[in-house]
PDB file of all heavy atoms in Angstrom:
ATOM      1  N   ALA A   1     120.235 146.593  46.155  1.00  0.00           N
ATOM      2  CA  ALA A   1     120.203 148.045  46.266  1.00  0.00           C
ATOM      3  C   ALA A   1     119.666 148.697  44.992  1.00  0.00           C
ATOM      4  O   ALA A   1     118.848 149.643  45.015  1.00  0.00           O
ATOM      5  CB  ALA A   1     121.605 148.570  46.599  1.00  0.00           C
ATOM      6  N   LEU A   2     120.155 148.237  43.829  1.00  0.00           N
ATOM      7  CA  LEU A   2     119.714 148.779  42.575  1.00  0.00           C
ATOM      8  C   LEU A   2     118.225 148.491  42.290  1.00  0.00           C
ATOM      9  O   LEU A   2     117.596 149.238  41.550  1.00  0.00           O
ATOM     10  CB  LEU A   2     120.564 148.223  41.421  1.00  0.00           C
ATOM     11  CG  LEU A   2     121.970 148.794  41.312  1.00  0.00           C
ATOM     12  CD1 LEU A   2     122.882 147.945  40.442  1.00  0.00           C
ATOM     13  CD2 LEU A   2     121.937 150.232  40.820  1.00  0.00           C
ATOM     14  N   ASP A   3     117.695 147.488  42.932  1.00  0.00           N
ATOM     15  CA  ASP A   3     116.256 147.170  42.797  1.00  0.00           C
ATOM     16  C   ASP A   3     115.423 147.855  43.890  1.00  0.00           C
ATOM     17  O   ASP A   3     114.203 147.608  43.998  1.00  0.00           O
ATOM     18  CB  ASP A   3     116.030 145.647  42.856  1.00  0.00           C
ATOM     19  CG  ASP A   3     116.615 144.926  41.651  1.00  0.00           C
ATOM     20  OD1 ASP A   3     116.761 145.592  40.582  1.00  0.00           O
ATOM     21  OD2 ASP A   3     116.925 143.718  41.766  1.00  0.00           O
ATOM     22  N   GLY A   4     116.077 148.664  44.701  1.00  0.00           N
ATOM     23  CA  GLY A   4     115.331 149.398  45.781  1.00  0.00           C
ATOM     24  C   GLY A   4     114.929 148.507  46.903  1.00  0.00           C
ATOM     25  O   GLY A   4     113.908 148.801  47.594  1.00  0.00           O
ATOM     26  N   GLU A   5     115.680 147.428  47.178  1.00  0.00           N
ATOM     27  CA  GLU A   5     115.252 146.478  48.174  1.00  0.00           C
ATOM     28  C   GLU A   5     116.318 146.312  49.260  1.00  0.00           C
ATOM     29  O   GLU A   5     116.481 145.204  49.825  1.00  0.00           O
ATOM     30  CB  GLU A   5     115.007 145.109  47.515  1.00  0.00           C
ATOM     31  CG  GLU A   5     113.848 145.184  46.511  1.00  0.00           C
ATOM     32  CD  GLU A   5     113.603 143.843  45.783  1.00  0.00           C
ATOM     33  OE1 GLU A   5     114.497 142.947  45.938  1.00  0.00           O
ATOM     34  OE2 GLU A   5     112.571 143.731  45.103  1.00  0.00           O
ATOM     35  N   LEU A   6     117.009 147.374  49.646  1.00  0.00           N
ATOM     36  CA  LEU A   6     118.002 147.261  50.660  1.00  0.00           C
ATOM     37  C   LEU A   6     117.388 146.883  52.032  1.00  0.00           C
ATOM     38  O   LEU A   6     118.086 146.369  52.906  1.00  0.00           O
ATOM     39  CB  LEU A   6     118.737 148.606  50.823  1.00  0.00           C
ATOM     40  CG  LEU A   6     119.997 148.799  49.983  1.00  0.00           C
ATOM     41  CD1 LEU A   6     120.630 150.153  50.260  1.00  0.00           C
ATOM     42  CD2 LEU A   6     121.035 147.677  50.252  1.00  0.00           C
ATOM     43  N   ASP A   7     116.128 147.176  52.219  1.00  0.00           N
ATOM     44  CA  ASP A   7     115.463 146.826  53.463  1.00  0.00           C
ATOM     45  C   ASP A   7     115.382 145.358  53.674  1.00  0.00           C
ATOM     46  O   ASP A   7     115.088 144.910  54.793  1.00  0.00           O
ATOM     47  CB  ASP A   7     114.058 147.481  53.549  1.00  0.00           C
ATOM     48  CG  ASP A   7     113.183 147.107  52.381  1.00  0.00           C
ATOM     49  OD1 ASP A   7     113.709 146.906  51.250  1.00  0.00           O
ATOM     50  OD2 ASP A   7     111.931 146.992  52.581  1.00  0.00           O
ATOM     51  N   ARG A   8     115.629 144.541  52.653  1.00  0.00           N
ATOM     52  CA  ARG A   8     115.556 143.112  52.754  1.00  0.00           C
ATOM     53  C   ARG A   8     116.941 142.467  52.987  1.00  0.00           C
ATOM     54  O   ARG A   8     117.060 141.254  53.095  1.00  0.00           O
ATOM     55  CB  ARG A   8     114.941 142.493  51.520  1.00  0.00           C
ATOM     56  CG  ARG A   8     113.535 142.992  51.224  1.00  0.00           C
ATOM     57  CD  ARG A   8     112.956 142.270  49.989  1.00  0.00           C
ATOM     58  NE  ARG A   8     111.618 142.793  49.688  1.00  0.00           N
ATOM     59  CZ  ARG A   8     110.852 142.290  48.712  1.00  0.00           C
ATOM     60  NH1 ARG A   8     111.326 141.302  47.950  1.00  0.00           N
ATOM     61  NH2 ARG A   8     109.654 142.779  48.501  1.00  0.00           N
ATOM     62  N   VAL A   9     117.972 143.282  53.060  1.00  0.00           N
ATOM     63  CA  VAL A   9     119.352 142.778  53.139  1.00  0.00           C
ATOM     64  C   VAL A   9     119.854 142.892  54.579  1.00  0.00           C
ATOM     65  O   VAL A   9     119.677 143.863  55.287  1.00  0.00           O
ATOM     66  CB  VAL A   9     120.274 143.577  52.230  1.00  0.00           C
ATOM     67  CG1 VAL A   9     121.719 143.100  52.363  1.00  0.00           C
ATOM     68  CG2 VAL A   9     119.814 143.471  50.788  1.00  0.00           C
ATOM     69  N   GLU A  10     120.514 141.816  55.015  1.00  0.00           N
ATOM     70  CA  GLU A  10     121.228 141.822  56.320  1.00  0.00           C
ATOM     71  C   GLU A  10     122.657 141.392  56.036  1.00  0.00           C
ATOM     72  O   GLU A  10     122.901 140.304  55.514  1.00  0.00           O
ATOM     73  CB  GLU A  10     120.560 140.854  57.296  1.00  0.00           C
ATOM     74  CG  GLU A  10     121.183 140.869  58.664  1.00  0.00           C
ATOM     75  CD  GLU A  10     120.449 140.006  59.691  1.00  0.00           C
ATOM     76  OE1 GLU A  10     119.275 139.661  59.408  1.00  0.00           O
ATOM     77  OE2 GLU A  10     121.012 139.691  60.728  1.00  0.00           O
ATOM     78  N   LEU A  11     123.589 142.283  56.378  1.00  0.00           N
ATOM     79  CA  LEU A  11     124.978 141.980  56.081  1.00  0.00           C
ATOM     80  C   LEU A  11     125.599 141.072  57.116  1.00  0.00           C
ATOM     81  O   LEU A  11     125.277 141.167  58.315  1.00  0.00           O
ATOM     82  CB  LEU A  11     125.777 143.322  56.016  1.00  0.00           C
ATOM     83  CG  LEU A  11     125.379 144.295  54.946  1.00  0.00           C
ATOM     84  CD1 LEU A  11     126.170 145.561  55.031  1.00  0.00           C
ATOM     85  CD2 LEU A  11     125.563 143.673  53.521  1.00  0.00           C
ATOM     86  N   GLN A  12     126.513 140.234  56.699  1.00  0.00           N
ATOM     87  CA  GLN A  12     127.247 139.338  57.573  1.00  0.00           C
ATOM     88  C   GLN A  12     128.718 139.775  57.652  1.00  0.00           C
ATOM     89  O   GLN A  12     129.329 140.015  56.629  1.00  0.00           O
ATOM     90  CB  GLN A  12     127.186 137.909  57.058  1.00  0.00           C
ATOM     91  CG  GLN A  12     125.762 137.347  56.895  1.00  0.00           C
ATOM     92  CD  GLN A  12     125.033 137.291  58.193  1.00  0.00           C
ATOM     93  OE1 GLN A  12     125.599 136.874  59.241  1.00  0.00           O
ATOM     94  NE2 GLN A  12     123.735 137.712  58.164  1.00  0.00           N
ATOM     95  N   TRP A  13     129.220 139.856  58.895  1.00  0.00           N
ATOM     96  CA  TRP A  13     130.567 140.409  59.105  1.00  0.00           C
ATOM     97  C   TRP A  13     131.460 139.432  59.815  1.00  0.00           C
ATOM     98  O   TRP A  13     131.024 138.718  60.700  1.00  0.00           O
ATOM     99  CB  TRP A  13     130.507 141.675  59.912  1.00  0.00           C
ATOM    100  CG  TRP A  13     129.766 142.783  59.229  1.00  0.00           C
ATOM    101  CD1 TRP A  13     128.450 143.171  59.458  1.00  0.00           C
ATOM    102  CD2 TRP A  13     130.259 143.625  58.205  1.00  0.00           C
ATOM    103  NE1 TRP A  13     128.116 144.188  58.619  1.00  0.00           N
ATOM    104  CE2 TRP A  13     129.202 144.525  57.851  1.00  0.00           C
ATOM    105  CE3 TRP A  13     131.469 143.763  57.555  1.00  0.00           C
ATOM    106  CZ2 TRP A  13     129.352 145.481  56.854  1.00  0.00           C
ATOM    107  CZ3 TRP A  13     131.649 144.728  56.570  1.00  0.00           C
ATOM    108  CH2 TRP A  13     130.560 145.593  56.231  1.00  0.00           C
ATOM    109  N   ASP A  14     132.715 139.402  59.463  1.00  0.00           N
ATOM    110  CA  ASP A  14     133.770 138.725  60.233  1.00  0.00           C
ATOM    111  C   ASP A  14     133.879 139.448  61.564  1.00  0.00           C
ATOM    112  O   ASP A  14     133.961 140.659  61.577  1.00  0.00           O
ATOM    113  CB  ASP A  14     135.088 138.738  59.447  1.00  0.00           C
ATOM    114  CG  ASP A  14     136.108 137.781  60.047  1.00  0.00           C
ATOM    115  OD1 ASP A  14     136.335 137.821  61.276  1.00  0.00           O
ATOM    116  OD2 ASP A  14     136.701 137.025  59.275  1.00  0.00           O
ATOM    117  N   ARG A  15     133.864 138.732  62.656  1.00  0.00           N
ATOM    118  CA  ARG A  15     133.900 139.362  63.960  1.00  0.00           C
ATOM    119  C   ARG A  15     135.252 140.005  64.268  1.00  0.00           C
ATOM    120  O   ARG A  15     135.408 140.800  65.185  1.00  0.00           O
ATOM    121  CB  ARG A  15     133.612 138.308  65.057  1.00  0.00           C
ATOM    122  CG  ARG A  15     134.614 137.199  65.087  1.00  0.00           C
ATOM    123  CD  ARG A  15     134.435 136.254  66.266  1.00  0.00           C
ATOM    124  NE  ARG A  15     135.424 135.185  66.228  1.00  0.00           N
ATOM    125  CZ  ARG A  15     136.686 135.309  66.660  1.00  0.00           C
ATOM    126  NH1 ARG A  15     137.096 136.505  67.103  1.00  0.00           N
ATOM    127  NH2 ARG A  15     137.525 134.312  66.598  1.00  0.00           N
ATOM    128  N   ARG A  16     136.259 139.629  63.500  1.00  0.00           N
ATOM    129  CA  ARG A  16     137.627 140.120  63.759  1.00  0.00           C
ATOM    130  C   ARG A  16     137.832 141.574  63.319  1.00  0.00           C
ATOM    131  O   ARG A  16     137.018 142.111  62.570  1.00  0.00           O
ATOM    132  CB  ARG A  16     138.673 139.230  63.049  1.00  0.00           C
ATOM    133  CG  ARG A  16     138.742 137.816  63.626  1.00  0.00           C
ATOM    134  CD  ARG A  16     139.715 136.960  62.794  1.00  0.00           C
ATOM    135  NE  ARG A  16     139.183 136.726  61.462  1.00  0.00           N
ATOM    136  CZ  ARG A  16     139.854 136.065  60.506  1.00  0.00           C
ATOM    137  NH1 ARG A  16     141.083 135.608  60.743  1.00  0.00           N
ATOM    138  NH2 ARG A  16     139.282 135.862  59.326  1.00  0.00           N
ATOM    139  N   THR A  17     138.901 142.185  63.774  1.00  0.00           N
ATOM    140  CA  THR A  17     139.289 143.528  63.339  1.00  0.00           C
ATOM    141  C   THR A  17     140.128 143.408  62.058  1.00  0.00           C
ATOM    142  O   THR A  17     140.929 142.488  61.911  1.00  0.00           O
ATOM    143  CB  THR A  17     140.137 144.193  64.454  1.00  0.00           C
ATOM    144  OG1 THR A  17     139.315 144.417  65.615  1.00  0.00           O
ATOM    145  CG2 THR A  17     140.693 145.524  63.946  1.00  0.00           C
ATOM    146  N   ALA A  18     139.925 144.375  61.183  1.00  0.00           N
ATOM    147  CA  ALA A  18     140.782 144.481  59.993  1.00  0.00           C
ATOM    148  C   ALA A  18     141.498 145.829  60.056  1.00  0.00           C
ATOM    149  O   ALA A  18     140.884 146.839  60.409  1.00  0.00           O
ATOM    150  CB  ALA A  18     139.961 144.376  58.697  1.00  0.00           C
ATOM    151  N   LEU A  19     142.753 145.840  59.661  1.00  0.00           N
ATOM    152  CA  LEU A  19     143.566 147.035  59.736  1.00  0.00           C
ATOM    153  C   LEU A  19     144.467 147.151  58.517  1.00  0.00           C
ATOM    154  O   LEU A  19     145.036 146.191  58.048  1.00  0.00           O
ATOM    155  CB  LEU A  19     144.427 147.024  61.029  1.00  0.00           C
ATOM    156  CG  LEU A  19     145.282 148.236  61.312  1.00  0.00           C
ATOM    157  CD1 LEU A  19     145.332 148.478  62.864  1.00  0.00           C
ATOM    158  CD2 LEU A  19     146.716 148.080  60.772  1.00  0.00           C
ATOM    159  N   ALA A  20     144.485 148.395  57.933  1.00  0.00           N
ATOM    160  CA  ALA A  20     145.263 148.618  56.704  1.00  0.00           C
ATOM    161  C   ALA A  20     146.329 149.666  56.972  1.00  0.00           C
ATOM    162  O   ALA A  20     146.030 150.728  57.547  1.00  0.00           O
ATOM    163  CB  ALA A  20     144.318 149.100  55.579  1.00  0.00           C
ATOM    164  N   VAL A  21     147.530 149.412  56.489  1.00  0.00           N
ATOM    165  CA  VAL A  21     148.648 150.334  56.596  1.00  0.00           C
ATOM    166  C   VAL A  21     148.972 150.796  55.151  1.00  0.00           C
ATOM    167  O   VAL A  21     149.278 149.982  54.294  1.00  0.00           O
ATOM    168  CB  VAL A  21     149.893 149.685  57.241  1.00  0.00           C
ATOM    169  CG1 VAL A  21     151.029 150.693  57.259  1.00  0.00           C
ATOM    170  CG2 VAL A  21     149.548 149.201  58.627  1.00  0.00           C
ATOM    171  N   VAL A  22     148.883 152.090  54.904  1.00  0.00           N
ATOM    172  CA  VAL A  22     149.229 152.643  53.598  1.00  0.00           C
ATOM    173  C   VAL A  22     150.696 152.898  53.464  1.00  0.00           C
ATOM    174  O   VAL A  22     151.330 153.464  54.378  1.00  0.00           O
ATOM    175  CB  VAL A  22     148.432 153.946  53.334  1.00  0.00           C
ATOM    176  CG1 VAL A  22     148.941 154.661  52.106  1.00  0.00           C
ATOM    177  CG2 VAL A  22     146.952 153.632  53.172  1.00  0.00           C
ATOM    178  N   MET A  23     151.265 152.458  52.363  1.00  0.00           N
ATOM    179  CA  MET A  23     152.676 152.723  52.045  1.00  0.00           C
ATOM    180  C   MET A  23     152.691 153.776  50.925  1.00  0.00           C
ATOM    181  O   MET A  23     152.107 153.536  49.858  1.00  0.00           O
ATOM    182  CB  MET A  23     153.371 151.451  51.638  1.00  0.00           C
ATOM    183  CG  MET A  23     153.245 150.342  52.636  1.00  0.00           C
ATOM    184  SD  MET A  23     154.160 148.846  52.263  1.00  0.00           S
ATOM    185  CE  MET A  23     155.862 149.430  52.554  1.00  0.00           C
ATOM    186  N   ALA A  24     153.307 154.920  51.179  1.00  0.00           N
ATOM    187  CA  ALA A  24     153.274 156.050  50.258  1.00  0.00           C
ATOM    188  C   ALA A  24     154.604 156.299  49.615  1.00  0.00           C
ATOM    189  O   ALA A  24     155.673 155.915  50.123  1.00  0.00           O
ATOM    190  CB  ALA A  24     152.808 157.288  50.997  1.00  0.00           C
ATOM    191  N   ALA A  25     154.562 157.005  48.489  1.00  0.00           N
ATOM    192  CA  ALA A  25     155.757 157.353  47.759  1.00  0.00           C
ATOM    193  C   ALA A  25     156.545 158.452  48.461  1.00  0.00           C
ATOM    194  O   ALA A  25     155.957 159.252  49.210  1.00  0.00           O
ATOM    195  CB  ALA A  25     155.403 157.795  46.340  1.00  0.00           C
ATOM    196  N   PRO A  26     157.860 158.539  48.223  1.00  0.00           N
ATOM    197  CA  PRO A  26     158.607 159.674  48.785  1.00  0.00           C
ATOM    198  C   PRO A  26     158.108 160.996  48.248  1.00  0.00           C
ATOM    199  O   PRO A  26     157.731 161.083  47.091  1.00  0.00           O
ATOM    200  CB  PRO A  26     160.042 159.391  48.315  1.00  0.00           C
ATOM    201  CG  PRO A  26     159.921 158.480  47.118  1.00  0.00           C
ATOM    202  CD  PRO A  26     158.699 157.637  47.414  1.00  0.00           C
ATOM    203  N   GLY A  27     158.012 162.002  49.138  1.00  0.00           N
ATOM    204  CA  GLY A  27     157.505 163.287  48.728  1.00  0.00           C
ATOM    205  C   GLY A  27     156.007 163.436  48.885  1.00  0.00           C
ATOM    206  O   GLY A  27     155.516 164.555  48.694  1.00  0.00           O
ATOM    207  N   TYR A  28     155.275 162.350  49.143  1.00  0.00           N
ATOM    208  CA  TYR A  28     153.846 162.461  49.336  1.00  0.00           C
ATOM    209  C   TYR A  28     153.546 163.192  50.621  1.00  0.00           C
ATOM    210  O   TYR A  28     154.265 163.007  51.598  1.00  0.00           O
ATOM    211  CB  TYR A  28     153.239 161.030  49.370  1.00  0.00           C
ATOM    212  CG  TYR A  28     151.748 161.027  49.637  1.00  0.00           C
ATOM    213  CD1 TYR A  28     150.865 161.283  48.597  1.00  0.00           C
ATOM    214  CD2 TYR A  28     151.231 160.713  50.880  1.00  0.00           C
ATOM    215  CE1 TYR A  28     149.465 161.277  48.826  1.00  0.00           C
ATOM    216  CE2 TYR A  28     149.881 160.676  51.109  1.00  0.00           C
ATOM    217  CZ  TYR A  28     148.995 160.955  50.072  1.00  0.00           C
ATOM    218  OH  TYR A  28     147.641 160.912  50.294  1.00  0.00           O
ATOM    219  N   PRO A  29     152.543 164.098  50.735  1.00  0.00           N
ATOM    220  CA  PRO A  29     151.509 164.366  49.699  1.00  0.00           C
ATOM    221  C   PRO A  29     151.827 165.525  48.761  1.00  0.00           C
ATOM    222  O   PRO A  29     151.115 165.715  47.793  1.00  0.00           O
ATOM    223  CB  PRO A  29     150.292 164.694  50.571  1.00  0.00           C
ATOM    224  CG  PRO A  29     150.882 165.364  51.796  1.00  0.00           C
ATOM    225  CD  PRO A  29     152.194 164.673  52.029  1.00  0.00           C
ATOM    226  N   GLU A  30     152.861 166.302  49.067  1.00  0.00           N
ATOM    227  CA  GLU A  30     153.074 167.536  48.273  1.00  0.00           C
ATOM    228  C   GLU A  30     153.546 167.234  46.859  1.00  0.00           C
ATOM    229  O   GLU A  30     152.981 167.738  45.889  1.00  0.00           O
ATOM    230  CB  GLU A  30     154.084 168.453  48.978  1.00  0.00           C
ATOM    231  CG  GLU A  30     153.569 169.121  50.262  1.00  0.00           C
ATOM    232  CD  GLU A  30     153.816 168.232  51.495  1.00  0.00           C
ATOM    233  OE1 GLU A  30     154.343 167.098  51.304  1.00  0.00           O
ATOM    234  OE2 GLU A  30     153.418 168.645  52.598  1.00  0.00           O
ATOM    235  N   ALA A  31     154.601 166.408  46.740  1.00  0.00           N
ATOM    236  CA  ALA A  31     155.191 166.184  45.421  1.00  0.00           C
ATOM    237  C   ALA A  31     155.706 164.741  45.359  1.00  0.00           C
ATOM    238  O   ALA A  31     156.931 164.513  45.447  1.00  0.00           O
ATOM    239  CB  ALA A  31     156.290 167.181  45.125  1.00  0.00           C
ATOM    240  N   PRO A  32     154.822 163.749  45.258  1.00  0.00           N
ATOM    241  CA  PRO A  32     155.279 162.366  45.277  1.00  0.00           C
ATOM    242  C   PRO A  32     156.158 162.041  44.048  1.00  0.00           C
ATOM    243  O   PRO A  32     155.880 162.461  42.960  1.00  0.00           O
ATOM    244  CB  PRO A  32     153.989 161.548  45.230  1.00  0.00           C
ATOM    245  CG  PRO A  32     152.948 162.472  44.669  1.00  0.00           C
ATOM    246  CD  PRO A  32     153.342 163.852  45.106  1.00  0.00           C
ATOM    247  N   ARG A  33     157.224 161.273  44.329  1.00  0.00           N
ATOM    248  CA  ARG A  33     158.073 160.780  43.259  1.00  0.00           C
ATOM    249  C   ARG A  33     157.510 159.479  42.734  1.00  0.00           C
ATOM    250  O   ARG A  33     157.145 158.566  43.490  1.00  0.00           O
ATOM    251  CB  ARG A  33     159.505 160.542  43.781  1.00  0.00           C
ATOM    252  CG  ARG A  33     160.506 160.188  42.681  1.00  0.00           C
ATOM    253  CD  ARG A  33     161.886 159.973  43.283  1.00  0.00           C
ATOM    254  NE  ARG A  33     161.989 158.698  43.936  1.00  0.00           N
ATOM    255  CZ  ARG A  33     162.840 158.454  44.951  1.00  0.00           C
ATOM    256  NH1 ARG A  33     163.608 159.415  45.419  1.00  0.00           N
ATOM    257  NH2 ARG A  33     162.904 157.244  45.512  1.00  0.00           N
ATOM    258  N   LEU A  34     157.416 159.339  41.452  1.00  0.00           N
ATOM    259  CA  LEU A  34     156.793 158.160  40.809  1.00  0.00           C
ATOM    260  C   LEU A  34     157.855 157.395  40.032  1.00  0.00           C
ATOM    261  O   LEU A  34     158.927 157.895  39.714  1.00  0.00           O
ATOM    262  CB  LEU A  34     155.655 158.606  39.868  1.00  0.00           C
ATOM    263  CG  LEU A  34     154.661 159.605  40.404  1.00  0.00           C
ATOM    264  CD1 LEU A  34     153.587 159.907  39.364  1.00  0.00           C
ATOM    265  CD2 LEU A  34     154.047 159.082  41.712  1.00  0.00           C
ATOM    266  N   GLY A  35     157.520 156.149  39.743  1.00  0.00           N
ATOM    267  CA  GLY A  35     158.364 155.315  38.913  1.00  0.00           C
ATOM    268  C   GLY A  35     159.304 154.385  39.577  1.00  0.00           C
ATOM    269  O   GLY A  35     160.069 153.670  38.914  1.00  0.00           O
ATOM    270  N   ASP A  36     159.303 154.335  40.919  1.00  0.00           N
ATOM    271  CA  ASP A  36     160.212 153.455  41.641  1.00  0.00           C
ATOM    272  C   ASP A  36     159.748 152.013  41.524  1.00  0.00           C
ATOM    273  O   ASP A  36     158.574 151.707  41.629  1.00  0.00           O
ATOM    274  CB  ASP A  36     160.297 153.845  43.103  1.00  0.00           C
ATOM    275  CG  ASP A  36     161.051 155.139  43.314  1.00  0.00           C
ATOM    276  OD1 ASP A  36     162.233 155.227  42.913  1.00  0.00           O
ATOM    277  OD2 ASP A  36     160.492 156.103  43.893  1.00  0.00           O
ATOM    278  N   ALA A  37     160.703 151.125  41.364  1.00  0.00           N
ATOM    279  CA  ALA A  37     160.385 149.674  41.331  1.00  0.00           C
ATOM    280  C   ALA A  37     159.994 149.180  42.735  1.00  0.00           C
ATOM    281  O   ALA A  37     160.542 149.617  43.713  1.00  0.00           O
ATOM    282  CB  ALA A  37     161.612 148.896  40.808  1.00  0.00           C
ATOM    283  N   ILE A  38     159.040 148.273  42.740  1.00  0.00           N
ATOM    284  CA  ILE A  38     158.489 147.779  44.022  1.00  0.00           C
ATOM    285  C   ILE A  38     158.718 146.270  44.101  1.00  0.00           C
ATOM    286  O   ILE A  38     158.436 145.514  43.150  1.00  0.00           O
ATOM    287  CB  ILE A  38     156.966 148.067  44.107  1.00  0.00           C
ATOM    288  CG1 ILE A  38     156.679 149.555  43.863  1.00  0.00           C
ATOM    289  CG2 ILE A  38     156.413 147.594  45.433  1.00  0.00           C
ATOM    290  CD1 ILE A  38     155.244 149.879  43.609  1.00  0.00           C
TER     291      ILE A  38
END
């Protein structure tokens, strides 16, 4: 891409689905509490 050659690239993908679950702090999004041990 930095060489301007993206037209030569073909991406390879895992056929499976990927899924992400976000774990957020208490009070998020207005006033999240920070510093809790995980």
